[in-house]
N, C-alpha and C. Protein backbone atom coordinates (compact mmCIF):
# COMPACT_ATOMS: atom_id res chain seq x y z
N MET A 1 -3.91 23.68 5.74
CA MET A 1 -4.11 22.29 6.57
C MET A 1 -3.04 21.59 7.23
N THR A 2 -3.26 20.87 8.66
CA THR A 2 -2.61 20.68 9.51
C THR A 2 -1.54 19.38 9.41
N ASP A 3 -0.96 18.96 10.01
CA ASP A 3 -0.74 17.98 9.86
C ASP A 3 -0.73 16.76 10.17
N THR A 4 -1.83 16.71 10.90
CA THR A 4 -2.58 15.43 10.71
C THR A 4 -3.75 14.91 10.27
N GLU A 5 -4.27 16.12 9.28
CA GLU A 5 -5.06 16.15 8.44
C GLU A 5 -4.35 15.48 7.26
N LYS A 6 -3.28 16.03 6.98
CA LYS A 6 -2.40 15.57 5.53
C LYS A 6 -2.32 14.09 6.10
N ILE A 7 -2.06 13.68 7.32
CA ILE A 7 -2.08 11.65 7.24
C ILE A 7 -3.09 11.79 7.06
N ILE A 8 -4.04 12.08 7.20
CA ILE A 8 -5.94 11.30 7.69
C ILE A 8 -5.78 10.88 5.61
N ASN A 9 -5.23 12.44 5.27
CA ASN A 9 -5.19 12.08 3.83
C ASN A 9 -4.98 11.30 2.72
N ARG A 10 -3.58 10.97 3.44
CA ARG A 10 -2.72 10.30 2.70
C ARG A 10 -3.76 8.62 2.89
N VAL A 11 -3.33 8.84 4.36
CA VAL A 11 -4.74 7.03 5.01
C VAL A 11 -5.74 7.21 4.01
N LYS A 12 -6.75 8.16 3.99
CA LYS A 12 -7.68 7.35 3.26
C LYS A 12 -7.64 7.16 1.88
N LYS A 13 -6.22 8.23 1.13
CA LYS A 13 -6.02 7.85 0.05
C LYS A 13 -6.52 6.38 -0.61
N LYS A 14 -5.57 6.43 0.87
CA LYS A 14 -5.30 4.07 0.05
C LYS A 14 -6.81 3.24 1.00
N PHE A 15 -7.37 4.04 1.28
CA PHE A 15 -7.98 3.08 2.24
C PHE A 15 -9.17 4.06 2.95
N PRO A 16 -10.49 4.19 1.45
CA PRO A 16 -11.38 5.68 1.86
C PRO A 16 -12.44 5.21 2.86
N ASP A 17 -12.45 3.88 3.60
CA ASP A 17 -13.64 3.60 4.71
C ASP A 17 -12.47 4.14 6.00
N ALA A 18 -11.40 4.41 6.30
CA ALA A 18 -10.85 4.43 7.51
C ALA A 18 -11.57 5.39 8.18
N LYS A 19 -11.67 4.54 9.81
CA LYS A 19 -12.04 5.85 10.11
C LYS A 19 -11.00 4.72 11.61
N ILE A 20 -11.14 5.98 12.43
CA ILE A 20 -10.87 6.04 13.90
C ILE A 20 -11.98 5.80 15.19
N LEU A 21 -11.67 4.62 15.85
CA LEU A 21 -12.21 3.88 16.98
C LEU A 21 -11.68 3.67 18.40
N PHE A 22 -12.88 3.77 19.01
CA PHE A 22 -12.36 3.30 20.42
C PHE A 22 -12.34 2.14 20.77
N ASP A 23 -11.54 1.55 22.18
CA ASP A 23 -11.17 0.00 22.48
C ASP A 23 -12.13 0.18 23.49
N PHE A 24 -11.62 -1.54 24.20
CA PHE A 24 -12.34 -1.39 25.80
C PHE A 24 -11.83 -1.01 26.72
N GLU A 25 -10.57 -0.34 26.64
CA GLU A 25 -9.61 0.49 27.23
C GLU A 25 -10.01 2.00 27.36
N LYS A 26 -10.75 2.06 26.20
CA LYS A 26 -10.27 3.35 25.97
C LYS A 26 -9.05 4.01 24.70
N ASN A 27 -8.58 2.82 24.50
CA ASN A 27 -6.97 3.57 23.93
C ASN A 27 -8.24 3.62 21.67
N LEU A 28 -7.06 4.38 21.34
CA LEU A 28 -8.07 4.52 20.29
C LEU A 28 -7.09 4.40 18.75
N TYR A 29 -7.50 3.76 18.19
CA TYR A 29 -6.87 2.80 16.74
C TYR A 29 -7.96 3.08 15.53
N ILE A 30 -7.09 3.06 14.41
CA ILE A 30 -7.11 2.58 13.41
C ILE A 30 -8.45 2.21 12.87
N ASP A 31 -9.41 1.81 12.13
CA ASP A 31 -10.24 0.78 11.71
C ASP A 31 -10.33 0.58 10.06
N ILE A 32 -10.11 -0.61 9.31
CA ILE A 32 -10.01 -0.27 7.79
C ILE A 32 -10.52 -1.78 8.11
N ASN A 33 -11.47 -1.69 7.86
CA ASN A 33 -12.45 -3.12 7.46
C ASN A 33 -12.63 -3.86 8.29
N GLY A 34 -13.57 -3.57 9.53
CA GLY A 34 -13.06 -3.96 10.32
C GLY A 34 -11.64 -4.63 11.59
N MET A 35 -10.73 -4.39 10.69
CA MET A 35 -9.41 -4.74 11.02
C MET A 35 -8.56 -3.83 12.28
N ASN A 36 -8.27 -3.86 13.07
CA ASN A 36 -7.45 -3.10 13.75
C ASN A 36 -5.92 -3.07 13.51
N LEU A 37 -5.68 -1.89 12.58
CA LEU A 37 -4.31 -1.66 12.20
C LEU A 37 -3.32 -1.47 13.34
N SER A 38 -3.25 -0.72 14.70
CA SER A 38 -2.93 -1.46 15.68
C SER A 38 -2.66 -2.50 16.32
N GLU A 39 -3.33 -3.39 16.39
CA GLU A 39 -2.68 -4.99 16.76
C GLU A 39 -2.19 -5.67 15.72
N HIS A 40 -2.49 -5.36 14.46
CA HIS A 40 -2.17 -6.52 13.30
C HIS A 40 -0.57 -5.47 13.19
N HIS A 41 -0.62 -4.64 13.52
CA HIS A 41 1.15 -4.50 13.05
C HIS A 41 1.94 -4.15 14.26
N LEU A 42 1.49 -4.88 15.33
CA LEU A 42 1.67 -4.59 17.00
C LEU A 42 2.22 -3.48 17.28
N PHE A 43 1.65 -2.29 17.28
CA PHE A 43 2.08 -1.02 17.74
C PHE A 43 1.13 -0.72 19.13
N PRO A 44 2.59 -0.05 19.98
CA PRO A 44 1.83 0.27 21.49
C PRO A 44 0.34 0.93 20.96
N PRO A 45 -0.09 0.87 22.05
CA PRO A 45 -1.95 1.37 22.49
C PRO A 45 -1.44 3.34 22.59
N THR A 46 -2.76 4.01 21.90
CA THR A 46 -2.54 5.38 22.16
C THR A 46 -3.62 5.98 22.22
N LYS A 47 -3.85 6.76 22.89
CA LYS A 47 -5.01 7.52 23.77
C LYS A 47 -4.68 8.84 22.91
N ASP A 48 -4.48 9.09 21.62
CA ASP A 48 -3.92 10.79 21.44
C ASP A 48 -3.87 10.17 19.44
N PRO A 49 -5.57 11.13 18.97
CA PRO A 49 -5.94 10.71 17.97
C PRO A 49 -5.24 10.81 17.23
N HIS A 50 -4.05 12.04 17.12
CA HIS A 50 -2.55 12.20 15.75
C HIS A 50 -2.01 10.74 16.06
N ARG A 51 -1.71 10.62 17.08
CA ARG A 51 -0.91 9.38 16.29
C ARG A 51 -1.28 8.12 16.56
N ALA A 52 -2.44 8.28 16.81
CA ALA A 52 -2.63 6.95 16.18
C ALA A 52 -2.82 6.53 14.34
N TRP A 53 -3.36 8.18 13.74
CA TRP A 53 -3.25 8.44 12.40
C TRP A 53 -1.45 8.45 12.02
N GLU A 54 -0.72 8.48 13.31
CA GLU A 54 0.79 8.63 12.14
C GLU A 54 0.96 7.03 12.25
N LEU A 55 0.70 6.11 13.70
CA LEU A 55 0.46 4.91 13.31
C LEU A 55 0.19 3.97 11.72
N ALA A 56 -1.32 4.62 11.87
CA ALA A 56 -1.47 4.32 10.49
C ALA A 56 -1.10 4.45 9.14
N GLU A 57 -0.42 5.31 9.17
CA GLU A 57 0.70 5.82 8.02
C GLU A 57 1.92 4.96 7.70
N ILE A 58 2.13 5.04 8.98
CA ILE A 58 3.50 4.21 9.42
C ILE A 58 3.22 2.54 8.77
N SER A 59 2.30 1.81 8.72
CA SER A 59 1.31 0.92 8.72
C SER A 59 1.16 0.48 7.17
N LEU A 60 1.19 1.34 6.73
CA LEU A 60 0.72 1.17 5.33
C LEU A 60 1.97 1.91 4.38
N LYS A 61 3.31 2.77 4.90
CA LYS A 61 4.50 2.77 4.08
C LYS A 61 4.90 0.74 4.70
N MET A 62 4.55 0.74 5.65
CA MET A 62 5.45 -1.06 5.90
C MET A 62 5.08 -1.78 4.82
N THR A 63 3.48 -1.74 5.03
CA THR A 63 2.80 -2.94 3.84
C THR A 63 3.41 -2.73 2.69
N GLN A 64 3.69 -0.90 2.07
CA GLN A 64 3.94 -1.26 0.76
C GLN A 64 5.78 -1.26 0.65
N ASN A 65 6.65 -1.44 1.51
CA ASN A 65 8.05 -1.96 1.58
C ASN A 65 8.19 -3.10 1.07
N PHE A 66 6.80 -4.31 1.78
CA PHE A 66 7.43 -5.36 2.21
C PHE A 66 7.22 -5.46 1.05
N ASN A 67 5.71 -4.74 0.33
CA ASN A 67 5.28 -5.98 -1.26
C ASN A 67 6.14 -5.40 -2.40
N ARG A 68 6.79 -4.44 -2.10
CA ARG A 68 7.67 -4.12 -3.21
C ARG A 68 9.32 -4.75 -2.55
N THR A 69 9.33 -5.26 -1.70
CA THR A 69 10.97 -6.30 -1.47
C THR A 69 10.59 -7.23 -0.88
N HIS A 70 9.65 -7.50 -1.56
CA HIS A 70 9.51 -9.08 -1.13
C HIS A 70 9.66 -10.34 -1.88
N PRO A 71 11.04 -11.30 -1.63
CA PRO A 71 11.39 -12.22 -3.33
C PRO A 71 10.12 -12.86 -3.97
N MET A 72 8.70 -13.10 -3.60
CA MET A 72 8.13 -13.73 -3.96
C MET A 72 7.31 -13.15 -4.93
N ARG A 73 7.38 -11.90 -4.58
CA ARG A 73 6.61 -11.16 -5.37
C ARG A 73 6.92 -11.14 -7.07
N THR A 74 7.93 -11.64 -7.59
CA THR A 74 7.84 -11.78 -8.97
C THR A 74 6.85 -12.35 -9.28
N GLU A 75 6.37 -13.58 -8.89
CA GLU A 75 5.84 -14.73 -9.03
C GLU A 75 4.59 -14.46 -8.94
N LEU A 76 3.64 -12.89 -8.60
CA LEU A 76 2.51 -12.41 -8.87
C LEU A 76 1.97 -12.26 -9.88
N TYR A 77 3.49 -12.21 -10.85
CA TYR A 77 3.10 -11.54 -12.18
C TYR A 77 3.82 -12.47 -13.28
N SER A 78 2.91 -12.22 -14.22
CA SER A 78 3.95 -13.59 -15.43
C SER A 78 4.52 -12.31 -15.97
N SER A 79 5.79 -13.15 -16.51
CA SER A 79 6.87 -12.61 -17.27
C SER A 79 6.37 -12.23 -18.71
N ASN A 80 5.64 -13.06 -18.98
CA ASN A 80 5.26 -12.43 -20.58
C ASN A 80 4.14 -10.95 -20.70
N ASP A 81 3.46 -10.93 -19.67
CA ASP A 81 2.64 -9.50 -19.13
C ASP A 81 3.98 -8.25 -19.27
N LYS A 82 5.27 -8.50 -18.48
CA LYS A 82 6.18 -7.86 -18.50
C LYS A 82 6.82 -7.23 -19.34
N LYS A 83 7.08 -8.84 -20.31
CA LYS A 83 7.62 -8.02 -21.74
C LYS A 83 6.84 -7.70 -22.42
N LYS A 84 5.44 -7.78 -22.66
CA LYS A 84 4.60 -6.77 -23.62
C LYS A 84 4.78 -5.69 -23.32
N ARG A 85 4.81 -5.40 -21.64
CA ARG A 85 4.76 -3.51 -21.12
C ARG A 85 6.45 -3.16 -21.67
N ILE A 86 7.14 -3.57 -21.57
CA ILE A 86 8.59 -3.73 -22.25
C ILE A 86 8.43 -3.31 -24.06
N ASN A 87 7.88 -3.74 -24.53
CA ASN A 87 7.93 -3.87 -25.82
C ASN A 87 6.92 -3.16 -26.33
N LYS A 88 5.87 -2.65 -25.33
CA LYS A 88 4.74 -1.73 -25.89
C LYS A 88 5.95 0.19 -25.62
N ARG A 89 6.49 0.37 -24.31
CA ARG A 89 7.07 1.24 -24.19
C ARG A 89 8.45 1.81 -24.80
N ARG A 90 8.86 0.67 -25.94
CA ARG A 90 10.21 0.68 -27.16
C ARG A 90 9.60 1.66 -28.21
N LYS A 91 10.56 2.37 -28.53
CA LYS A 91 10.09 3.32 -29.56
C LYS A 91 9.74 2.98 -30.23
N ASN A 92 10.52 1.69 -30.52
CA ASN A 92 10.33 1.64 -32.33
C ASN A 92 9.14 0.66 -31.84
N LYS A 93 7.85 0.56 -32.11
CA LYS A 93 7.77 -0.37 -32.06
C LYS A 93 7.67 -1.38 -33.18
N ASN A 94 8.05 -1.57 -34.60
CA ASN A 94 8.28 -2.46 -35.00
C ASN A 94 9.74 -3.67 -34.99
N MET A 95 10.64 -2.94 -33.55
CA MET A 95 11.37 -4.35 -33.83
C MET A 95 10.81 -4.68 -31.84
N ASP A 96 11.19 -5.88 -32.16
CA ASP A 96 10.31 -7.10 -30.55
C ASP A 96 11.19 -7.07 -29.71
N TYR A 97 11.84 -6.29 -28.94
CA TYR A 97 13.16 -6.58 -28.40
C TYR A 97 13.62 -7.73 -27.26
N PHE A 98 12.51 -8.88 -27.08
CA PHE A 98 12.71 -10.01 -27.04
C PHE A 98 12.14 -10.95 -28.15
N GLY A 99 12.27 -10.95 -29.04
CA GLY A 99 11.49 -12.07 -30.34
C GLY A 99 10.71 -12.98 -29.92
N LEU A 100 9.81 -11.94 -29.28
CA LEU A 100 8.63 -13.23 -28.63
C LEU A 100 7.39 -13.04 -29.78
N PHE A 101 7.43 -11.36 -29.88
CA PHE A 101 5.99 -11.21 -29.70
C PHE A 101 5.61 -10.67 -31.07
N GLU A 102 5.98 -11.33 -32.26
CA GLU A 102 6.18 -10.73 -33.92
C GLU A 102 5.24 -9.52 -34.25
N ASN A 103 3.43 -10.27 -33.60
CA ASN A 103 2.66 -9.31 -33.98
C ASN A 103 1.61 -9.22 -32.78
N ASP A 104 1.65 -9.11 -32.13
CA ASP A 104 1.15 -8.35 -30.73
C ASP A 104 1.09 -6.91 -31.30
């Protein structure tokens, strides 16, 4: 499996409908649900298919890192859900770590 095929598989694992297209200036870009990834992330235009897929992979990594480190990400999830997950992982299921969910 070539390097380009590995990159394509990584991108398609996250976005199965990703495809490579040409724009009006004969530059290549990766299209995901009608969104041009190169234009969205302000990447330079390219005429090389391998480079287009590399830029798509870089944009996926940037998005993942942004979502992981964003300061408002904790507001997306409920603290009760987090406490329930922690209690579920505890080895001693009878002990409630936070003292909040005695009958859960």
